[in-house]
Amino acid sequence: MAFYTELDQQELLAMLRDYGIDALTACTGASDGIENTTYFLESDAQKWILTLFEEISAGELPFFVRLMDWLYARQLPVAHALADNNAKTLHTLSNKPALLFPRLSGQHPRNMTIEQCRAIGYFLGHMHAVSQNYPEQRDNQRGTAWMQAARQRLSSCVDAEVLELLDAQIRNAEQVRALNLPTGLIHGDLFHDNALYEGDTLCGVIDFYNACTDVLALDLAIVINDWCALPDGSIEATRYHAIIDAYQKQRALTVQEKTHWQAILQLAAARFWLSRLLSEKLPARPDVVHAHKPSAEYRARLQFHAAHALAL
């Protein structure tokens, strides 16, 4: 199961009264979260998502609230945190920072269609294009320094082959970041379970808590590695080209981005291979049992990209 913080019902109801919500018909904890605790709330007329943050501090959250508000104001399909009748967005429940969101319609795609891939490519390209003038910046908390620190933490619990691969990917990350590729606001975690669809129509993109200022093409590579990967780590060509083509209708990739695309795809795969490896070997919350996403998936994708250059 996921991280799970129990709610104090009286504390919750007191918070909801400030939203004009007097009673709930349902309050159900989600079982599929990894970093946060999520509850589905319902009244007779409305539905909401309540998120309690297990790792992100209250001091960090205003950046994400402002970002989601900014994107929502520009008519991108994102959830924005709701303010109560006192104009307060950020709350504390069970000693954890908490935000309340409207529950968007749609379902997470399971077997992604070509049209769904086009829609997510269009969304990402559009987000990158419109956010070029976004006024705030935030460093990537999963950048090269994090990779180096993780390598040190793992040095005593993985074998020499893994350390050799890690060292190679740290060098690759340093080289990519030295290229001065186009940067801007990235989602940083746009997996298919962070998108909601009704049929082939994209209804919403959620979970912006890895958003930061970084290489734009890295964001695209993260999408490719999740939405297009086959079980052996290779990339399914039709979905791949659907995403790339739709993205470039909103923001054309530069010559330099195309030249270094193979290295960027490796960096995107290495980031998630390493975070999953840390969860397996050195769980942050050993007292809490939750399902790990296997690191082997991303090691296979990383090794595929190291051996194959995909055409653009």
C-alpha atoms as a PDB file:
ATOM      1  CA  MET A   1       0.000   0.000   0.000  1.00  0.00           C
ATOM      2  CA  ALA A   2       0.992   3.648  -0.269  1.00  0.00           C
ATOM      3  CA  PHE A   3       2.069   6.086   2.411  1.00  0.00           C
ATOM      4  CA  TYR A   4      -1.056   6.542   4.461  1.00  0.00           C
ATOM      5  CA  THR A   5      -1.809   9.166   7.084  1.00  0.00           C
ATOM      6  CA  GLU A   6      -5.041   8.693   9.002  1.00  0.00           C
ATOM      7  CA  LEU A   7      -7.344  11.698   9.099  1.00  0.00           C
ATOM      8  CA  ASP A   8      -8.905  13.128  12.219  1.00  0.00           C
ATOM      9  CA  GLN A   9     -12.505  13.438  11.055  1.00  0.00           C
ATOM     10  CA  GLN A  10     -13.321  16.375  13.323  1.00  0.00           C
ATOM     11  CA  GLU A  11     -10.224  18.235  12.136  1.00  0.00           C
ATOM     12  CA  LEU A  12     -11.168  17.515   8.509  1.00  0.00           C
ATOM     13  CA  LEU A  13     -14.763  18.691   8.961  1.00  0.00           C
ATOM     14  CA  ALA A  14     -13.577  21.883  10.646  1.00  0.00           C
ATOM     15  CA  MET A  15     -11.376  22.619   7.608  1.00  0.00           C
ATOM     16  CA  LEU A  16     -14.186  21.834   5.175  1.00  0.00           C
ATOM     17  CA  ARG A  17     -16.626  24.177   6.928  1.00  0.00           C
ATOM     18  CA  ASP A  18     -14.357  27.032   5.822  1.00  0.00           C
ATOM     19  CA  TYR A  19     -15.132  25.914   2.256  1.00  0.00           C
ATOM     20  CA  GLY A  20     -18.860  25.921   2.909  1.00  0.00           C
ATOM     21  CA  ILE A  21     -18.889  22.114   2.968  1.00  0.00           C
ATOM     22  CA  ASP A  22     -21.045  20.911   5.877  1.00  0.00           C
ATOM     23  CA  ALA A  23     -21.032  17.156   5.332  1.00  0.00           C
ATOM     24  CA  LEU A  24     -19.438  14.380   3.293  1.00  0.00           C
ATOM     25  CA  THR A  25     -21.062  11.298   1.853  1.00  0.00           C
ATOM     26  CA  ALA A  26     -17.704   9.580   1.270  1.00  0.00           C
ATOM     27  CA  CYS A  27     -14.068   9.894   2.353  1.00  0.00           C
ATOM     28  CA  THR A  28     -11.903   7.170   0.854  1.00  0.00           C
ATOM     29  CA  GLY A  29      -8.129   6.783   1.029  1.00  0.00           C
ATOM     30  CA  ALA A  30      -6.314   6.022  -2.243  1.00  0.00           C
ATOM     31  CA  SER A  31      -4.025   3.002  -2.290  1.00  0.00           C
ATOM     32  CA  ASP A  32      -1.878   3.856  -5.298  1.00  0.00           C
ATOM     33  CA  GLY A  33       0.076   6.924  -4.167  1.00  0.00           C
ATOM     34  CA  ILE A  34       3.845   6.788  -3.727  1.00  0.00           C
ATOM     35  CA  GLU A  35       4.937  10.085  -2.174  1.00  0.00           C
ATOM     36  CA  ASN A  36       1.682  11.556  -0.790  1.00  0.00           C
ATOM     37  CA  THR A  37      -1.508  10.472   0.951  1.00  0.00           C
ATOM     38  CA  THR A  38      -4.628  11.046  -1.147  1.00  0.00           C
ATOM     39  CA  TYR A  39      -8.279  10.971  -0.137  1.00  0.00           C
ATOM     40  CA  PHE A  40     -11.315  11.058  -2.418  1.00  0.00           C
ATOM     41  CA  LEU A  41     -14.016  13.235  -0.854  1.00  0.00           C
ATOM     42  CA  GLU A  42     -17.647  13.433  -1.940  1.00  0.00           C
ATOM     43  CA  SER A  43     -20.769  15.358  -0.975  1.00  0.00           C
ATOM     44  CA  ASP A  44     -24.218  15.046  -2.489  1.00  0.00           C
ATOM     45  CA  ALA A  45     -23.235  17.469  -5.260  1.00  0.00           C
ATOM     46  CA  GLN A  46     -19.446  17.606  -5.595  1.00  0.00           C
ATOM     47  CA  LYS A  47     -16.216  15.618  -5.561  1.00  0.00           C
ATOM     48  CA  TRP A  48     -12.747  16.654  -4.398  1.00  0.00           C
ATOM     49  CA  ILE A  49      -9.217  15.356  -3.984  1.00  0.00           C
ATOM     50  CA  LEU A  50      -7.505  15.960  -0.642  1.00  0.00           C
ATOM     51  CA  THR A  51      -3.716  15.568  -0.662  1.00  0.00           C
ATOM     52  CA  LEU A  52      -1.587  15.283   2.477  1.00  0.00           C
ATOM     53  CA  PHE A  53       2.109  15.722   1.786  1.00  0.00           C
ATOM     54  CA  GLU A  54       4.424  13.169   3.348  1.00  0.00           C
ATOM     55  CA  GLU A  55       7.732  14.518   2.014  1.00  0.00           C
ATOM     56  CA  ILE A  56       7.176  18.061   0.709  1.00  0.00           C
ATOM     57  CA  SER A  57       7.286  20.727   3.400  1.00  0.00           C
ATOM     58  CA  ALA A  58       4.696  23.452   3.886  1.00  0.00           C
ATOM     59  CA  GLY A  59       7.357  25.969   2.899  1.00  0.00           C
ATOM     60  CA  GLU A  60       7.841  24.356  -0.517  1.00  0.00           C
ATOM     61  CA  LEU A  61       4.178  24.055  -1.470  1.00  0.00           C
ATOM     62  CA  PRO A  62       3.350  27.699  -2.324  1.00  0.00           C
ATOM     63  CA  PHE A  63       5.573  27.438  -5.434  1.00  0.00           C
ATOM     64  CA  PHE A  64       3.469  24.550  -6.741  1.00  0.00           C
ATOM     65  CA  VAL A  65       0.187  26.257  -5.821  1.00  0.00           C
ATOM     66  CA  ARG A  66       1.189  29.396  -7.735  1.00  0.00           C
ATOM     67  CA  LEU A  67       2.365  27.320 -10.695  1.00  0.00           C
ATOM     68  CA  MET A  68      -0.874  25.350 -10.971  1.00  0.00           C
ATOM     69  CA  ASP A  69      -2.893  28.565 -10.652  1.00  0.00           C
ATOM     70  CA  TRP A  70      -0.793  30.157 -13.405  1.00  0.00           C
ATOM     71  CA  LEU A  71      -1.287  27.243 -15.795  1.00  0.00           C
ATOM     72  CA  TYR A  72      -4.989  26.983 -14.972  1.00  0.00           C
ATOM     73  CA  ALA A  73      -5.422  30.702 -15.719  1.00  0.00           C
ATOM     74  CA  ARG A  74      -3.986  30.024 -19.176  1.00  0.00           C
ATOM     75  CA  GLN A  75      -6.598  27.320 -19.759  1.00  0.00           C
ATOM     76  CA  LEU A  76      -4.297  24.322 -19.518  1.00  0.00           C
ATOM     77  CA  PRO A  77      -6.149  21.252 -18.201  1.00  0.00           C
ATOM     78  CA  VAL A  78      -4.629  21.137 -14.707  1.00  0.00           C
ATOM     79  CA  ALA A  79      -6.124  20.931 -11.238  1.00  0.00           C
ATOM     80  CA  HIS A  80      -5.640  24.047  -9.128  1.00  0.00           C
ATOM     81  CA  ALA A  81      -5.730  24.123  -5.332  1.00  0.00           C
ATOM     82  CA  LEU A  82      -8.932  25.569  -3.926  1.00  0.00           C
ATOM     83  CA  ALA A  83      -8.905  28.508  -1.533  1.00  0.00           C
ATOM     84  CA  ASP A  84     -11.378  28.553   1.356  1.00  0.00           C
ATOM     85  CA  ASN A  85     -13.675  31.396   2.341  1.00  0.00           C
ATOM     86  CA  ASN A  86     -10.737  33.078   4.067  1.00  0.00           C
ATOM     87  CA  ALA A  87      -8.620  32.904   0.867  1.00  0.00           C
ATOM     88  CA  LYS A  88      -6.498  30.210   2.527  1.00  0.00           C
ATOM     89  CA  THR A  89      -5.191  27.404   0.316  1.00  0.00           C
ATOM     90  CA  LEU A  90      -2.608  25.604   2.445  1.00  0.00           C
ATOM     91  CA  HIS A  91      -3.882  23.723   5.505  1.00  0.00           C
ATOM     92  CA  THR A  92      -2.535  21.339   8.136  1.00  0.00           C
ATOM     93  CA  LEU A  93      -4.255  18.022   8.807  1.00  0.00           C
ATOM     94  CA  SER A  94      -2.828  15.281  11.032  1.00  0.00           C
ATOM     95  CA  ASN A  95       0.328  17.417  11.303  1.00  0.00           C
ATOM     96  CA  LYS A  96       0.834  17.267   7.521  1.00  0.00           C
ATOM     97  CA  PRO A  97       0.480  20.092   4.979  1.00  0.00           C
ATOM     98  CA  ALA A  98      -2.672  19.589   2.920  1.00  0.00           C
ATOM     99  CA  LEU A  99      -4.328  20.949  -0.227  1.00  0.00           C
ATOM    100  CA  LEU A 100      -7.872  20.502  -1.532  1.00  0.00           C
ATOM    101  CA  PHE A 101      -8.521  20.176  -5.279  1.00  0.00           C
ATOM    102  CA  PRO A 102     -11.575  19.719  -7.474  1.00  0.00           C
ATOM    103  CA  ARG A 103     -11.707  16.151  -8.717  1.00  0.00           C
ATOM    104  CA  LEU A 104     -11.124  16.201 -12.468  1.00  0.00           C
ATOM    105  CA  SER A 105     -13.077  13.894 -14.743  1.00  0.00           C
ATOM    106  CA  GLY A 106     -11.446  11.044 -16.624  1.00  0.00           C
ATOM    107  CA  GLN A 107      -9.380   7.949 -15.980  1.00  0.00           C
ATOM    108  CA  HIS A 108      -5.690   7.109 -16.186  1.00  0.00           C
ATOM    109  CA  PRO A 109      -4.964   5.441 -19.549  1.00  0.00           C
ATOM    110  CA  ARG A 110      -3.852   1.819 -19.401  1.00  0.00           C
ATOM    111  CA  ASN A 111      -3.160   0.881 -23.000  1.00  0.00           C
ATOM    112  CA  MET A 112      -2.286   4.228 -24.520  1.00  0.00           C
ATOM    113  CA  THR A 113      -3.824   4.911 -27.917  1.00  0.00           C
ATOM    114  CA  ILE A 114      -2.172   6.928 -30.655  1.00  0.00           C
ATOM    115  CA  GLU A 115      -4.659   9.761 -30.103  1.00  0.00           C
ATOM    116  CA  GLN A 116      -3.916   9.798 -26.375  1.00  0.00           C
ATOM    117  CA  CYS A 117      -0.211  10.009 -27.195  1.00  0.00           C
ATOM    118  CA  ARG A 118      -0.817  12.894 -29.582  1.00  0.00           C
ATOM    119  CA  ALA A 119      -2.816  14.665 -26.884  1.00  0.00           C
ATOM    120  CA  ILE A 120      -0.079  14.386 -24.264  1.00  0.00           C
ATOM    121  CA  GLY A 121       2.583  15.467 -26.754  1.00  0.00           C
ATOM    122  CA  TYR A 122       0.476  18.503 -27.683  1.00  0.00           C
ATOM    123  CA  PHE A 123      -0.113  19.349 -24.018  1.00  0.00           C
ATOM    124  CA  LEU A 124       3.575  19.170 -23.130  1.00  0.00           C
ATOM    125  CA  GLY A 125       4.678  21.214 -26.123  1.00  0.00           C
ATOM    126  CA  HIS A 126       2.001  23.799 -25.387  1.00  0.00           C
ATOM    127  CA  MET A 127       2.960  23.969 -21.700  1.00  0.00           C
ATOM    128  CA  HIS A 128       6.621  24.481 -22.601  1.00  0.00           C
ATOM    129  CA  ALA A 129       5.729  27.166 -25.138  1.00  0.00           C
ATOM    130  CA  VAL A 130       3.378  29.210 -22.940  1.00  0.00           C
ATOM    131  CA  SER A 131       5.530  28.943 -19.814  1.00  0.00           C
ATOM    132  CA  GLN A 132       8.629  30.511 -21.358  1.00  0.00           C
ATOM    133  CA  ASN A 133       7.695  33.707 -19.533  1.00  0.00           C
ATOM    134  CA  TYR A 134       6.798  32.009 -16.247  1.00  0.00           C
ATOM    135  CA  PRO A 135       8.228  34.380 -13.619  1.00  0.00           C
ATOM    136  CA  GLU A 136       9.539  31.865 -11.069  1.00  0.00           C
ATOM    137  CA  GLN A 137      12.325  29.296 -11.074  1.00  0.00           C
ATOM    138  CA  ARG A 138      13.008  26.214  -8.992  1.00  0.00           C
ATOM    139  CA  ASP A 139      16.077  24.002  -9.099  1.00  0.00           C
ATOM    140  CA  ASN A 140      15.612  20.355 -10.040  1.00  0.00           C
ATOM    141  CA  GLN A 141      15.819  18.414  -6.786  1.00  0.00           C
ATOM    142  CA  ARG A 142      16.754  15.313  -8.825  1.00  0.00           C
ATOM    143  CA  GLY A 143      19.657  16.888 -10.689  1.00  0.00           C
ATOM    144  CA  THR A 144      23.302  15.901 -10.968  1.00  0.00           C
ATOM    145  CA  ALA A 145      24.160  16.690  -7.336  1.00  0.00           C
ATOM    146  CA  TRP A 146      21.338  14.403  -6.218  1.00  0.00           C
ATOM    147  CA  MET A 147      22.650  11.633  -8.499  1.00  0.00           C
ATOM    148  CA  GLN A 148      26.126  11.973  -7.007  1.00  0.00           C
ATOM    149  CA  ALA A 149      24.774  11.872  -3.449  1.00  0.00           C
ATOM    150  CA  ALA A 150      22.615   8.850  -4.265  1.00  0.00           C
ATOM    151  CA  ARG A 151      25.622   7.058  -5.711  1.00  0.00           C
ATOM    152  CA  GLN A 152      27.438   7.541  -2.413  1.00  0.00           C
ATOM    153  CA  ARG A 153      24.483   6.224  -0.421  1.00  0.00           C
ATOM    154  CA  LEU A 154      24.182   3.149  -2.640  1.00  0.00           C
ATOM    155  CA  SER A 155      27.896   2.353  -2.808  1.00  0.00           C
ATOM    156  CA  SER A 156      27.754  -0.232  -0.018  1.00  0.00           C
ATOM    157  CA  CYS A 157      24.565  -2.024  -1.082  1.00  0.00           C
ATOM    158  CA  VAL A 158      24.868  -2.549  -4.851  1.00  0.00           C
ATOM    159  CA  ASP A 159      27.416  -4.458  -6.900  1.00  0.00           C
ATOM    160  CA  ALA A 160      30.303  -3.115  -8.979  1.00  0.00           C
ATOM    161  CA  GLU A 161      28.363  -3.405 -12.244  1.00  0.00           C
ATOM    162  CA  VAL A 162      25.603  -1.141 -10.933  1.00  0.00           C
ATOM    163  CA  LEU A 163      28.146   1.389  -9.658  1.00  0.00           C
ATOM    164  CA  GLU A 164      29.885   1.408 -13.027  1.00  0.00           C
ATOM    165  CA  LEU A 165      26.572   2.109 -14.778  1.00  0.00           C
ATOM    166  CA  LEU A 166      25.794   4.837 -12.255  1.00  0.00           C
ATOM    167  CA  ASP A 167      29.167   6.480 -12.809  1.00  0.00           C
ATOM    168  CA  ALA A 168      28.611   6.459 -16.569  1.00  0.00           C
ATOM    169  CA  GLN A 169      25.191   8.075 -16.149  1.00  0.00           C
ATOM    170  CA  ILE A 170      26.513  10.751 -13.811  1.00  0.00           C
ATOM    171  CA  ARG A 171      29.087  11.642 -16.464  1.00  0.00           C
ATOM    172  CA  ASN A 172      26.316  11.714 -19.067  1.00  0.00           C
ATOM    173  CA  ALA A 173      24.232  14.026 -16.846  1.00  0.00           C
ATOM    174  CA  GLU A 174      27.159  16.400 -16.405  1.00  0.00           C
ATOM    175  CA  GLN A 175      27.724  16.489 -20.156  1.00  0.00           C
ATOM    176  CA  VAL A 176      24.054  17.120 -20.963  1.00  0.00           C
ATOM    177  CA  ARG A 177      23.797  19.951 -18.445  1.00  0.00           C
ATOM    178  CA  ALA A 178      26.949  21.566 -19.824  1.00  0.00           C
ATOM    179  CA  LEU A 179      25.365  21.935 -23.276  1.00  0.00           C
ATOM    180  CA  ASN A 180      23.213  24.974 -22.461  1.00  0.00           C
ATOM    181  CA  LEU A 181      20.150  23.380 -24.034  1.00  0.00           C
ATOM    182  CA  PRO A 182      16.829  25.274 -23.939  1.00  0.00           C
ATOM    183  CA  THR A 183      15.450  25.354 -20.409  1.00  0.00           C
ATOM    184  CA  GLY A 184      12.187  26.340 -18.783  1.00  0.00           C
ATOM    185  CA  LEU A 185       9.370  25.004 -16.685  1.00  0.00           C
ATOM    186  CA  ILE A 186       9.087  21.208 -16.777  1.00  0.00           C
ATOM    187  CA  HIS A 187       6.518  18.883 -15.197  1.00  0.00           C
ATOM    188  CA  GLY A 188       9.243  16.381 -14.357  1.00  0.00           C
ATOM    189  CA  ASP A 189       6.992  13.362 -13.771  1.00  0.00           C
ATOM    190  CA  LEU A 190       4.460  13.193 -16.599  1.00  0.00           C
ATOM    191  CA  PHE A 191       3.825   9.469 -16.501  1.00  0.00           C
ATOM    192  CA  HIS A 192       0.567   8.094 -17.884  1.00  0.00           C
ATOM    193  CA  ASP A 193      -0.836   7.796 -14.346  1.00  0.00           C
ATOM    194  CA  ASN A 194      -0.534  11.576 -14.019  1.00  0.00           C
ATOM    195  CA  ALA A 195      -2.910  12.144 -16.939  1.00  0.00           C
ATOM    196  CA  LEU A 196      -6.688  11.746 -17.075  1.00  0.00           C
ATOM    197  CA  TYR A 197      -8.687  10.951 -20.218  1.00  0.00           C
ATOM    198  CA  GLU A 198     -12.237  10.436 -21.315  1.00  0.00           C
ATOM    199  CA  GLY A 199     -11.737   8.243 -24.345  1.00  0.00           C
ATOM    200  CA  ASP A 200      -9.005   9.951 -26.351  1.00  0.00           C
ATOM    201  CA  THR A 201      -9.684  13.397 -24.875  1.00  0.00           C
ATOM    202  CA  LEU A 202      -7.180  14.676 -22.322  1.00  0.00           C
ATOM    203  CA  CYS A 203      -9.153  15.986 -19.339  1.00  0.00           C
ATOM    204  CA  GLY A 204      -6.368  16.790 -16.925  1.00  0.00           C
ATOM    205  CA  VAL A 205      -2.717  16.592 -15.933  1.00  0.00           C
ATOM    206  CA  ILE A 206      -1.931  16.221 -12.227  1.00  0.00           C
ATOM    207  CA  ASP A 207       0.936  15.848  -9.761  1.00  0.00           C
ATOM    208  CA  PHE A 208       3.167  18.838 -10.473  1.00  0.00           C
ATOM    209  CA  TYR A 209       5.292  18.293  -7.352  1.00  0.00           C
ATOM    210  CA  ASN A 210       8.428  17.512  -9.341  1.00  0.00           C
ATOM    211  CA  ALA A 211       8.001  20.633 -11.463  1.00  0.00           C
ATOM    212  CA  CYS A 212      11.124  22.735 -11.753  1.00  0.00           C
ATOM    213  CA  THR A 213      13.299  24.733 -14.137  1.00  0.00           C
ATOM    214  CA  ASP A 214      15.360  22.395 -16.293  1.00  0.00           C
ATOM    215  CA  VAL A 215      16.133  21.187 -19.815  1.00  0.00           C
ATOM    216  CA  LEU A 216      12.847  21.172 -21.750  1.00  0.00           C
ATOM    217  CA  ALA A 217      13.772  18.136 -23.844  1.00  0.00           C
ATOM    218  CA  LEU A 218      14.312  16.189 -20.618  1.00  0.00           C
ATOM    219  CA  ASP A 219      10.586  16.538 -19.893  1.00  0.00           C
ATOM    220  CA  LEU A 220       9.771  15.165 -23.334  1.00  0.00           C
ATOM    221  CA  ALA A 221      12.187  12.265 -22.802  1.00  0.00           C
ATOM    222  CA  ILE A 222      10.485  11.414 -19.491  1.00  0.00           C
ATOM    223  CA  VAL A 223       7.183  11.134 -21.330  1.00  0.00           C
ATOM    224  CA  ILE A 224       8.690   8.978 -24.089  1.00  0.00           C
ATOM    225  CA  ASN A 225      10.281   6.589 -21.594  1.00  0.00           C
ATOM    226  CA  ASP A 226       6.976   5.972 -19.824  1.00  0.00           C
ATOM    227  CA  TRP A 227       4.336   6.238 -22.540  1.00  0.00           C
ATOM    228  CA  CYS A 228       6.203   4.347 -25.277  1.00  0.00           C
ATOM    229  CA  ALA A 229       8.313   1.718 -23.516  1.00  0.00           C
ATOM    230  CA  LEU A 230       7.884  -1.994 -24.243  1.00  0.00           C
ATOM    231  CA  PRO A 231       8.617  -4.708 -21.648  1.00  0.00           C
ATOM    232  CA  ASP A 232      12.163  -5.249 -22.969  1.00  0.00           C
ATOM    233  CA  GLY A 233      13.002  -1.555 -22.577  1.00  0.00           C
ATOM    234  CA  SER A 234      12.708  -0.684 -26.251  1.00  0.00           C
ATOM    235  CA  ILE A 235      10.462   2.086 -27.594  1.00  0.00           C
ATOM    236  CA  GLU A 236       7.285   1.463 -29.571  1.00  0.00           C
ATOM    237  CA  ALA A 237       7.702   3.501 -32.751  1.00  0.00           C
ATOM    238  CA  THR A 238       4.119   4.559 -33.522  1.00  0.00           C
ATOM    239  CA  ARG A 239       3.412   6.014 -30.086  1.00  0.00           C
ATOM    240  CA  TYR A 240       6.869   7.591 -30.049  1.00  0.00           C
ATOM    241  CA  HIS A 241       6.365   9.467 -33.301  1.00  0.00           C
ATOM    242  CA  ALA A 242       2.820  10.502 -32.326  1.00  0.00           C
ATOM    243  CA  ILE A 243       4.153  12.228 -29.194  1.00  0.00           C
ATOM    244  CA  ILE A 244       7.162  13.789 -30.920  1.00  0.00           C
ATOM    245  CA  ASP A 245       5.160  15.096 -33.878  1.00  0.00           C
ATOM    246  CA  ALA A 246       2.419  16.590 -31.681  1.00  0.00           C
ATOM    247  CA  TYR A 247       4.972  18.178 -29.362  1.00  0.00           C
ATOM    248  CA  GLN A 248       6.836  19.824 -32.232  1.00  0.00           C
ATOM    249  CA  LYS A 249       3.648  21.413 -33.533  1.00  0.00           C
ATOM    250  CA  GLN A 250       3.762  23.519 -30.368  1.00  0.00           C
ATOM    251  CA  ARG A 251       7.526  23.825 -29.828  1.00  0.00           C
ATOM    252  CA  ALA A 252      10.049  22.720 -32.449  1.00  0.00           C
ATOM    253  CA  LEU A 253      13.130  20.966 -31.099  1.00  0.00           C
ATOM    254  CA  THR A 254      16.399  22.739 -31.818  1.00  0.00           C
ATOM    255  CA  VAL A 255      19.260  21.229 -33.808  1.00  0.00           C
ATOM    256  CA  GLN A 256      21.253  20.871 -30.600  1.00  0.00           C
ATOM    257  CA  GLU A 257      18.403  19.058 -28.835  1.00  0.00           C
ATOM    258  CA  LYS A 258      18.112  16.645 -31.751  1.00  0.00           C
ATOM    259  CA  THR A 259      21.874  16.097 -31.835  1.00  0.00           C
ATOM    260  CA  HIS A 260      21.980  15.115 -28.156  1.00  0.00           C
ATOM    261  CA  TRP A 261      18.599  13.345 -27.988  1.00  0.00           C
ATOM    262  CA  GLN A 262      20.124   9.937 -27.199  1.00  0.00           C
ATOM    263  CA  ALA A 263      21.981  11.366 -24.192  1.00  0.00           C
ATOM    264  CA  ILE A 264      18.837  13.179 -23.006  1.00  0.00           C
ATOM    265  CA  LEU A 265      16.785   9.975 -23.167  1.00  0.00           C
ATOM    266  CA  GLN A 266      19.467   8.231 -21.101  1.00  0.00           C
ATOM    267  CA  LEU A 267      19.409  11.018 -18.509  1.00  0.00           C
ATOM    268  CA  ALA A 268      15.610  10.767 -18.221  1.00  0.00           C
ATOM    269  CA  ALA A 269      15.809   7.000 -17.747  1.00  0.00           C
ATOM    270  CA  ALA A 270      18.694   7.240 -15.273  1.00  0.00           C
ATOM    271  CA  ARG A 271      16.767   9.653 -13.040  1.00  0.00           C
ATOM    272  CA  PHE A 272      13.918   7.169 -12.487  1.00  0.00           C
ATOM    273  CA  TRP A 273      16.156   4.100 -12.389  1.00  0.00           C
ATOM    274  CA  LEU A 274      18.094   5.745  -9.574  1.00  0.00           C
ATOM    275  CA  SER A 275      15.065   6.920  -7.583  1.00  0.00           C
ATOM    276  CA  ARG A 276      13.539   3.445  -7.782  1.00  0.00           C
ATOM    277  CA  LEU A 277      16.846   1.837  -6.845  1.00  0.00           C
ATOM    278  CA  LEU A 278      16.994   4.051  -3.753  1.00  0.00           C
ATOM    279  CA  SER A 279      13.461   3.039  -2.787  1.00  0.00           C
ATOM    280  CA  GLU A 280      14.364  -0.622  -3.118  1.00  0.00           C
ATOM    281  CA  LYS A 281      17.696  -0.540  -1.315  1.00  0.00           C
ATOM    282  CA  LEU A 282      17.263   2.363   1.130  1.00  0.00           C
ATOM    283  CA  PRO A 283      13.538   3.025   1.690  1.00  0.00           C
ATOM    284  CA  ALA A 284      12.865   6.451   3.160  1.00  0.00           C
ATOM    285  CA  ARG A 285      10.034   5.055   5.269  1.00  0.00           C
ATOM    286  CA  PRO A 286      10.959   1.483   6.274  1.00  0.00           C
ATOM    287  CA  ASP A 287       8.079   1.536   8.790  1.00  0.00           C
ATOM    288  CA  VAL A 288       5.533   1.926   5.968  1.00  0.00           C
ATOM    289  CA  VAL A 289       4.809  -0.887   3.544  1.00  0.00           C
ATOM    290  CA  HIS A 290       4.058   0.236  -0.006  1.00  0.00           C
ATOM    291  CA  ALA A 291       4.464  -1.186  -3.476  1.00  0.00           C
ATOM    292  CA  HIS A 292       7.725  -0.275  -5.200  1.00  0.00           C
ATOM    293  CA  LYS A 293       7.883   0.302  -8.909  1.00  0.00           C
ATOM    294  CA  PRO A 294      10.714  -1.979 -10.048  1.00  0.00           C
ATOM    295  CA  SER A 295      14.015  -0.302 -10.899  1.00  0.00           C
ATOM    296  CA  ALA A 296      14.745  -3.058 -13.457  1.00  0.00           C
ATOM    297  CA  GLU A 297      12.207  -1.493 -15.853  1.00  0.00           C
ATOM    298  CA  TYR A 298      14.179   1.715 -16.043  1.00  0.00           C
ATOM    299  CA  ARG A 299      17.532   0.003 -16.149  1.00  0.00           C
ATOM    300  CA  ALA A 300      16.326  -1.805 -19.275  1.00  0.00           C
ATOM    301  CA  ARG A 301      15.159   1.479 -20.820  1.00  0.00           C
ATOM    302  CA  LEU A 302      18.440   3.144 -19.932  1.00  0.00           C
ATOM    303  CA  GLN A 303      20.476   0.354 -21.513  1.00  0.00           C
ATOM    304  CA  PHE A 304      18.281   0.429 -24.620  1.00  0.00           C
ATOM    305  CA  HIS A 305      18.974   4.125 -25.105  1.00  0.00           C
ATOM    306  CA  ALA A 306      22.682   3.639 -24.518  1.00  0.00           C
ATOM    307  CA  ALA A 307      22.722   1.172 -27.416  1.00  0.00           C
ATOM    308  CA  HIS A 308      20.208   2.778 -29.819  1.00  0.00           C
ATOM    309  CA  ALA A 309      19.790   6.272 -31.233  1.00  0.00           C
ATOM    310  CA  LEU A 310      16.137   7.037 -31.983  1.00  0.00           C
ATOM    311  CA  ALA A 311      15.354   9.109 -35.044  1.00  0.00           C
ATOM    312  CA  LEU A 312      13.597  12.456 -34.735  1.00  0.00           C
END
